[in-house]
């Protein structure tokens, strides 16, 4: 009985330490250069020769701001409204963990190797190197696979002839499971984004609204 009690105490202790570690990692990542503002003044983000005019309240961190230009910005919005950071929604943004916030990056696609240039090629690379084929199951139209990393799953779907994929934490593996993906906007630019796994069933509207927001940034220089 003493041995069993010791094992149970050890298991609980390890789990608590794991949860604390995950929360600490999230906090440190979220707060690296974390500097959100309520201002809606626009800053220019240059990517692959294109200009995006981004309101300041959609930027939560960056490496540098020079005059009216922002460099390497990390962006965020609130699901499902896709509003920027405001006094009214501040509490929703600042909740610990993944809740209604989506974070995203708009980046140069030239950084990809040729075998990773498109959504389908990146999905196939995951199938080849990171998923466990025999774990295949289905959920809400997705093919779902366990990844070789113990706490992740791979979700794959073809919609209107285009491939979409998400790497998600297993629901019980972390305190606040999330899903992330990378998607080409065009041949030159891609977006990578992360949101709470609880919103995955609404992935189509999230994706379409995010693309609409990014397109608005592209035209939003008036």
C-alpha atoms as a PDB file:
ATOM      1  CA  UNK A   1       0.000   0.000   0.000  1.00  0.00           C
ATOM      2  CA  UNK A   2       2.842   2.385   0.780  1.00  0.00           C
ATOM      3  CA  UNK A   3       4.319   1.758  -2.660  1.00  0.00           C
ATOM      4  CA  UNK A   4       0.954   2.394  -4.366  1.00  0.00           C
ATOM      5  CA  UNK A   5       0.461   5.565  -2.341  1.00  0.00           C
ATOM      6  CA  UNK A   6       3.941   6.752  -3.327  1.00  0.00           C
ATOM      7  CA  UNK A   7       3.250   6.046  -7.015  1.00  0.00           C
ATOM      8  CA  UNK A   8      -0.048   7.947  -6.903  1.00  0.00           C
ATOM      9  CA  UNK A   9       1.522  10.921  -5.152  1.00  0.00           C
ATOM     10  CA  UNK A  10       4.382  10.944  -7.664  1.00  0.00           C
ATOM     11  CA  UNK A  11       1.982  10.789 -10.613  1.00  0.00           C
ATOM     12  CA  UNK A  12      -0.138  13.643  -9.283  1.00  0.00           C
ATOM     13  CA  UNK A  13       2.973  15.707  -8.552  1.00  0.00           C
ATOM     14  CA  UNK A  14       4.328  15.182 -12.068  1.00  0.00           C
ATOM     15  CA  UNK A  15       0.976  16.139 -13.598  1.00  0.00           C
ATOM     16  CA  UNK A  16       0.772  19.331 -11.530  1.00  0.00           C
ATOM     17  CA  UNK A  17       4.344  20.243 -12.486  1.00  0.00           C
ATOM     18  CA  UNK A  18       3.524  19.588 -16.150  1.00  0.00           C
ATOM     19  CA  UNK A  19       0.483  21.893 -15.989  1.00  0.00           C
ATOM     20  CA  UNK A  20       2.542  24.620 -14.299  1.00  0.00           C
ATOM     21  CA  UNK A  21       5.248  24.262 -16.952  1.00  0.00           C
ATOM     22  CA  UNK A  22       2.736  24.529 -19.801  1.00  0.00           C
ATOM     23  CA  UNK A  23       1.163  27.627 -18.286  1.00  0.00           C
ATOM     24  CA  UNK A  24       4.594  29.164 -17.771  1.00  0.00           C
ATOM     25  CA  UNK A  25       5.600  28.452 -21.380  1.00  0.00           C
ATOM     26  CA  UNK A  26       2.369  29.964 -22.674  1.00  0.00           C
ATOM     27  CA  UNK A  27       2.818  33.034 -20.488  1.00  0.00           C
ATOM     28  CA  UNK A  28       6.423  33.569 -21.560  1.00  0.00           C
ATOM     29  CA  UNK A  29       5.569  33.134 -25.242  1.00  0.00           C
ATOM     30  CA  UNK A  30       2.568  35.428 -25.021  1.00  0.00           C
ATOM     31  CA  UNK A  31       4.492  38.103 -23.177  1.00  0.00           C
ATOM     32  CA  UNK A  32       7.651  38.133 -25.290  1.00  0.00           C
ATOM     33  CA  UNK A  33       7.655  41.764 -26.560  1.00  0.00           C
ATOM     34  CA  UNK A  34       3.958  41.852 -25.644  1.00  0.00           C
ATOM     35  CA  UNK A  35       2.737  45.411 -26.212  1.00  0.00           C
ATOM     36  CA  UNK A  36      -0.890  45.667 -27.356  1.00  0.00           C
ATOM     37  CA  UNK A  37      -2.500  49.091 -27.788  1.00  0.00           C
ATOM     38  CA  UNK A  38      -6.058  50.346 -28.218  1.00  0.00           C
ATOM     39  CA  UNK A  39      -4.976  52.752 -30.973  1.00  0.00           C
ATOM     40  CA  UNK A  40      -6.411  52.222 -34.474  1.00  0.00           C
ATOM     41  CA  UNK A  41      -3.663  54.220 -36.190  1.00  0.00           C
ATOM     42  CA  UNK A  42      -2.255  52.202 -39.079  1.00  0.00           C
ATOM     43  CA  UNK A  43       1.263  50.870 -39.475  1.00  0.00           C
ATOM     44  CA  UNK A  44       2.690  49.478 -42.704  1.00  0.00           C
ATOM     45  CA  UNK A  45       3.891  45.876 -42.782  1.00  0.00           C
ATOM     46  CA  UNK A  46       5.851  45.062 -45.953  1.00  0.00           C
ATOM     47  CA  UNK A  47       5.786  41.432 -47.113  1.00  0.00           C
ATOM     48  CA  UNK A  48       7.218  40.216 -50.428  1.00  0.00           C
ATOM     49  CA  UNK A  49       6.722  43.596 -52.065  1.00  0.00           C
ATOM     50  CA  UNK A  50       3.154  44.063 -50.812  1.00  0.00           C
ATOM     51  CA  UNK A  51       2.017  46.564 -48.192  1.00  0.00           C
ATOM     52  CA  UNK A  52      -0.424  45.747 -45.404  1.00  0.00           C
ATOM     53  CA  UNK A  53      -1.895  48.695 -43.483  1.00  0.00           C
ATOM     54  CA  UNK A  54      -2.517  47.243 -40.044  1.00  0.00           C
ATOM     55  CA  UNK A  55      -4.339  49.086 -37.251  1.00  0.00           C
ATOM     56  CA  UNK A  56      -2.168  49.201 -34.146  1.00  0.00           C
ATOM     57  CA  UNK A  57      -4.786  47.372 -32.040  1.00  0.00           C
ATOM     58  CA  UNK A  58      -4.305  44.227 -34.151  1.00  0.00           C
ATOM     59  CA  UNK A  59      -0.572  44.097 -33.282  1.00  0.00           C
ATOM     60  CA  UNK A  60       0.416  42.418 -30.017  1.00  0.00           C
ATOM     61  CA  UNK A  61       4.181  42.303 -30.500  1.00  0.00           C
ATOM     62  CA  UNK A  62       6.871  43.303 -32.977  1.00  0.00           C
ATOM     63  CA  UNK A  63      10.627  43.624 -33.258  1.00  0.00           C
ATOM     64  CA  UNK A  64      10.666  47.311 -34.221  1.00  0.00           C
ATOM     65  CA  UNK A  65       8.502  50.264 -35.218  1.00  0.00           C
ATOM     66  CA  UNK A  66      10.195  52.931 -37.320  1.00  0.00           C
ATOM     67  CA  UNK A  67       8.137  55.955 -38.318  1.00  0.00           C
ATOM     68  CA  UNK A  68       4.980  54.375 -39.754  1.00  0.00           C
ATOM     69  CA  UNK A  69       6.421  50.914 -40.436  1.00  0.00           C
ATOM     70  CA  UNK A  70       6.278  47.809 -38.252  1.00  0.00           C
ATOM     71  CA  UNK A  71       8.732  44.919 -38.522  1.00  0.00           C
ATOM     72  CA  UNK A  72       7.913  41.260 -37.841  1.00  0.00           C
ATOM     73  CA  UNK A  73       4.567  41.930 -36.176  1.00  0.00           C
ATOM     74  CA  UNK A  74       2.631  39.233 -34.368  1.00  0.00           C
ATOM     75  CA  UNK A  75      -1.059  39.914 -34.926  1.00  0.00           C
ATOM     76  CA  UNK A  76      -4.215  39.013 -33.050  1.00  0.00           C
ATOM     77  CA  UNK A  77      -8.001  39.316 -33.253  1.00  0.00           C
ATOM     78  CA  UNK A  78     -11.062  38.063 -31.388  1.00  0.00           C
ATOM     79  CA  UNK A  79     -13.199  35.173 -32.658  1.00  0.00           C
ATOM     80  CA  UNK A  80     -15.840  35.334 -34.069  1.00  0.00           C
ATOM     81  CA  UNK A  81     -16.009  39.130 -34.506  1.00  0.00           C
ATOM     82  CA  UNK A  82     -12.413  39.572 -35.670  1.00  0.00           C
ATOM     83  CA  UNK A  83     -12.191  42.874 -33.823  1.00  0.00           C
ATOM     84  CA  UNK A  84      -8.918  44.368 -32.701  1.00  0.00           C
ATOM     85  CA  UNK A  85      -7.883  45.040 -29.104  1.00  0.00           C
ATOM     86  CA  UNK A  86     -10.281  47.517 -27.425  1.00  0.00           C
ATOM     87  CA  UNK A  87     -11.258  48.615 -23.954  1.00  0.00           C
ATOM     88  CA  UNK A  88     -14.529  46.717 -24.380  1.00  0.00           C
ATOM     89  CA  UNK A  89     -12.931  43.353 -25.243  1.00  0.00           C
ATOM     90  CA  UNK A  90      -9.711  43.683 -23.253  1.00  0.00           C
ATOM     91  CA  UNK A  91     -10.743  40.973 -20.771  1.00  0.00           C
ATOM     92  CA  UNK A  92     -11.340  38.458 -23.591  1.00  0.00           C
ATOM     93  CA  UNK A  93      -7.870  39.119 -24.980  1.00  0.00           C
ATOM     94  CA  UNK A  94      -6.111  38.892 -21.653  1.00  0.00           C
ATOM     95  CA  UNK A  95      -7.533  35.613 -20.385  1.00  0.00           C
ATOM     96  CA  UNK A  96      -4.813  33.117 -19.587  1.00  0.00           C
ATOM     97  CA  UNK A  97      -4.663  30.320 -22.149  1.00  0.00           C
ATOM     98  CA  UNK A  98      -6.464  29.904 -25.458  1.00  0.00           C
ATOM     99  CA  UNK A  99     -10.069  31.144 -25.452  1.00  0.00           C
ATOM    100  CA  UNK A 100     -11.434  33.568 -28.104  1.00  0.00           C
ATOM    101  CA  UNK A 101      -8.147  35.016 -29.359  1.00  0.00           C
ATOM    102  CA  UNK A 102      -6.584  34.081 -32.691  1.00  0.00           C
ATOM    103  CA  UNK A 103      -2.941  34.986 -33.306  1.00  0.00           C
ATOM    104  CA  UNK A 104      -1.437  35.131 -36.783  1.00  0.00           C
ATOM    105  CA  UNK A 105       1.572  36.078 -38.887  1.00  0.00           C
ATOM    106  CA  UNK A 106       1.691  37.336 -42.475  1.00  0.00           C
ATOM    107  CA  UNK A 107       4.993  36.244 -43.963  1.00  0.00           C
ATOM    108  CA  UNK A 108       7.096  35.816 -47.085  1.00  0.00           C
ATOM    109  CA  UNK A 109       6.544  32.399 -48.712  1.00  0.00           C
ATOM    110  CA  UNK A 110       9.995  32.409 -50.322  1.00  0.00           C
ATOM    111  CA  UNK A 111      11.377  30.992 -47.056  1.00  0.00           C
ATOM    112  CA  UNK A 112       9.800  27.619 -47.846  1.00  0.00           C
ATOM    113  CA  UNK A 113      11.746  24.880 -49.579  1.00  0.00           C
ATOM    114  CA  UNK A 114      10.282  23.740 -52.893  1.00  0.00           C
ATOM    115  CA  UNK A 115       8.722  20.629 -51.335  1.00  0.00           C
ATOM    116  CA  UNK A 116       6.832  22.866 -48.858  1.00  0.00           C
ATOM    117  CA  UNK A 117       5.605  25.629 -51.191  1.00  0.00           C
ATOM    118  CA  UNK A 118       1.878  24.801 -51.180  1.00  0.00           C
ATOM    119  CA  UNK A 119      -0.741  23.747 -48.652  1.00  0.00           C
ATOM    120  CA  UNK A 120      -0.979  20.271 -50.174  1.00  0.00           C
ATOM    121  CA  UNK A 121       2.806  19.784 -50.234  1.00  0.00           C
ATOM    122  CA  UNK A 122       3.070  20.733 -46.567  1.00  0.00           C
ATOM    123  CA  UNK A 123       0.215  18.366 -45.711  1.00  0.00           C
ATOM    124  CA  UNK A 124       1.895  15.531 -47.606  1.00  0.00           C
ATOM    125  CA  UNK A 125       5.163  16.242 -45.808  1.00  0.00           C
ATOM    126  CA  UNK A 126       3.320  15.754 -42.512  1.00  0.00           C
ATOM    127  CA  UNK A 127       1.804  12.509 -43.775  1.00  0.00           C
ATOM    128  CA  UNK A 128       5.243  11.305 -44.783  1.00  0.00           C
ATOM    129  CA  UNK A 129       7.174  12.305 -41.688  1.00  0.00           C
ATOM    130  CA  UNK A 130       4.960  13.108 -38.725  1.00  0.00           C
ATOM    131  CA  UNK A 131       1.678  11.169 -38.628  1.00  0.00           C
ATOM    132  CA  UNK A 132       0.849   7.612 -37.608  1.00  0.00           C
ATOM    133  CA  UNK A 133      -1.199   6.193 -40.542  1.00  0.00           C
ATOM    134  CA  UNK A 134      -2.869   3.391 -38.569  1.00  0.00           C
ATOM    135  CA  UNK A 135      -4.355   5.928 -36.135  1.00  0.00           C
ATOM    136  CA  UNK A 136      -6.672   7.332 -38.831  1.00  0.00           C
ATOM    137  CA  UNK A 137     -10.210   8.246 -37.768  1.00  0.00           C
ATOM    138  CA  UNK A 138     -12.797  10.808 -38.821  1.00  0.00           C
ATOM    139  CA  UNK A 139     -14.239  13.882 -37.162  1.00  0.00           C
ATOM    140  CA  UNK A 140     -16.580  16.480 -38.686  1.00  0.00           C
ATOM    141  CA  UNK A 141     -15.368  15.789 -42.238  1.00  0.00           C
ATOM    142  CA  UNK A 142     -11.677  15.689 -41.277  1.00  0.00           C
ATOM    143  CA  UNK A 143      -9.305  12.785 -41.453  1.00  0.00           C
ATOM    144  CA  UNK A 144      -7.641  12.752 -38.023  1.00  0.00           C
ATOM    145  CA  UNK A 145      -4.313  11.145 -37.171  1.00  0.00           C
ATOM    146  CA  UNK A 146      -2.074  10.939 -34.133  1.00  0.00           C
ATOM    147  CA  UNK A 147       1.239  12.656 -34.696  1.00  0.00           C
ATOM    148  CA  UNK A 148       4.544  11.171 -33.674  1.00  0.00           C
ATOM    149  CA  UNK A 149       4.718  13.830 -30.956  1.00  0.00           C
ATOM    150  CA  UNK A 150       2.777  12.328 -28.069  1.00  0.00           C
ATOM    151  CA  UNK A 151       0.376  15.196 -27.424  1.00  0.00           C
ATOM    152  CA  UNK A 152      -0.608  16.299 -30.960  1.00  0.00           C
ATOM    153  CA  UNK A 153      -3.127  15.320 -33.634  1.00  0.00           C
ATOM    154  CA  UNK A 154      -3.198  16.098 -37.357  1.00  0.00           C
ATOM    155  CA  UNK A 155      -6.497  17.149 -38.982  1.00  0.00           C
ATOM    156  CA  UNK A 156      -6.749  17.060 -42.785  1.00  0.00           C
ATOM    157  CA  UNK A 157      -9.578  17.940 -45.155  1.00  0.00           C
ATOM    158  CA  UNK A 158     -10.027  18.811 -48.836  1.00  0.00           C
ATOM    159  CA  UNK A 159     -12.644  21.520 -49.297  1.00  0.00           C
ATOM    160  CA  UNK A 160     -13.634  22.865 -52.722  1.00  0.00           C
ATOM    161  CA  UNK A 161     -10.538  21.232 -54.226  1.00  0.00           C
ATOM    162  CA  UNK A 162      -8.113  22.840 -51.758  1.00  0.00           C
ATOM    163  CA  UNK A 163      -6.206  21.170 -48.925  1.00  0.00           C
ATOM    164  CA  UNK A 164      -6.533  22.393 -45.349  1.00  0.00           C
ATOM    165  CA  UNK A 165      -4.753  20.964 -42.336  1.00  0.00           C
ATOM    166  CA  UNK A 166      -4.386  21.723 -38.636  1.00  0.00           C
ATOM    167  CA  UNK A 167      -1.997  20.458 -35.999  1.00  0.00           C
ATOM    168  CA  UNK A 168      -3.835  20.420 -32.666  1.00  0.00           C
ATOM    169  CA  UNK A 169      -3.033  19.479 -29.110  1.00  0.00           C
ATOM    170  CA  UNK A 170      -4.908  16.428 -27.901  1.00  0.00           C
ATOM    171  CA  UNK A 171      -7.789  17.660 -25.794  1.00  0.00           C
ATOM    172  CA  UNK A 172      -6.575  16.257 -22.481  1.00  0.00           C
ATOM    173  CA  UNK A 173      -2.857  16.768 -23.041  1.00  0.00           C
ATOM    174  CA  UNK A 174      -2.571  20.458 -22.086  1.00  0.00           C
ATOM    175  CA  UNK A 175      -4.705  22.876 -20.064  1.00  0.00           C
ATOM    176  CA  UNK A 176      -5.667  25.008 -23.076  1.00  0.00           C
ATOM    177  CA  UNK A 177      -5.453  22.975 -26.314  1.00  0.00           C
ATOM    178  CA  UNK A 178      -4.966  24.917 -29.533  1.00  0.00           C
ATOM    179  CA  UNK A 179      -4.794  24.333 -33.286  1.00  0.00           C
ATOM    180  CA  UNK A 180      -2.371  25.879 -35.742  1.00  0.00           C
ATOM    181  CA  UNK A 181      -1.932  25.902 -39.497  1.00  0.00           C
ATOM    182  CA  UNK A 182      -0.126  27.595 -42.360  1.00  0.00           C
ATOM    183  CA  UNK A 183      -1.960  28.620 -45.525  1.00  0.00           C
ATOM    184  CA  UNK A 184      -0.843  30.314 -48.739  1.00  0.00           C
ATOM    185  CA  UNK A 185      -2.564  33.623 -49.457  1.00  0.00           C
ATOM    186  CA  UNK A 186      -0.904  33.667 -52.874  1.00  0.00           C
ATOM    187  CA  UNK A 187       2.359  32.457 -54.419  1.00  0.00           C
ATOM    188  CA  UNK A 188       4.377  35.051 -52.497  1.00  0.00           C
ATOM    189  CA  UNK A 189       2.700  35.311 -49.100  1.00  0.00           C
ATOM    190  CA  UNK A 190       1.371  32.922 -46.483  1.00  0.00           C
ATOM    191  CA  UNK A 191      -0.420  33.253 -43.175  1.00  0.00           C
ATOM    192  CA  UNK A 192       0.135  31.056 -40.137  1.00  0.00           C
ATOM    193  CA  UNK A 193      -2.444  31.184 -37.366  1.00  0.00           C
ATOM    194  CA  UNK A 194      -3.341  29.615 -34.029  1.00  0.00           C
ATOM    195  CA  UNK A 195      -6.620  29.483 -32.108  1.00  0.00           C
ATOM    196  CA  UNK A 196      -8.321  27.495 -29.343  1.00  0.00           C
ATOM    197  CA  UNK A 197      -9.193  23.937 -30.311  1.00  0.00           C
ATOM    198  CA  UNK A 198     -12.748  24.445 -29.043  1.00  0.00           C
ATOM    199  CA  UNK A 199     -13.334  26.570 -32.173  1.00  0.00           C
ATOM    200  CA  UNK A 200     -12.122  23.954 -34.676  1.00  0.00           C
ATOM    201  CA  UNK A 201     -15.648  22.961 -35.728  1.00  0.00           C
ATOM    202  CA  UNK A 202     -15.989  26.533 -37.073  1.00  0.00           C
ATOM    203  CA  UNK A 203     -12.726  26.388 -39.015  1.00  0.00           C
ATOM    204  CA  UNK A 204     -14.292  27.464 -42.335  1.00  0.00           C
ATOM    205  CA  UNK A 205     -15.744  30.704 -41.030  1.00  0.00           C
ATOM    206  CA  UNK A 206     -12.564  31.397 -39.027  1.00  0.00           C
ATOM    207  CA  UNK A 207     -10.401  30.882 -42.102  1.00  0.00           C
ATOM    208  CA  UNK A 208     -12.639  32.908 -44.418  1.00  0.00           C
ATOM    209  CA  UNK A 209     -13.008  35.777 -41.946  1.00  0.00           C
ATOM    210  CA  UNK A 210      -9.255  35.849 -41.372  1.00  0.00           C
ATOM    211  CA  UNK A 211      -8.599  35.987 -45.113  1.00  0.00           C
ATOM    212  CA  UNK A 212     -11.140  38.808 -45.350  1.00  0.00           C
ATOM    213  CA  UNK A 213      -9.399  40.710 -42.555  1.00  0.00           C
ATOM    214  CA  UNK A 214      -5.995  40.325 -44.208  1.00  0.00           C
ATOM    215  CA  UNK A 215      -7.453  41.508 -47.527  1.00  0.00           C
ATOM    216  CA  UNK A 216      -8.853  44.512 -45.674  1.00  0.00           C
ATOM    217  CA  UNK A 217      -5.369  45.263 -44.325  1.00  0.00           C
ATOM    218  CA  UNK A 218      -4.064  45.177 -47.894  1.00  0.00           C
ATOM    219  CA  UNK A 219      -6.619  47.783 -49.018  1.00  0.00           C
ATOM    220  CA  UNK A 220      -6.919  49.725 -45.757  1.00  0.00           C
ATOM    221  CA  UNK A 221      -4.639  52.682 -46.548  1.00  0.00           C
ATOM    222  CA  UNK A 222      -7.242  55.411 -46.878  1.00  0.00           C
END
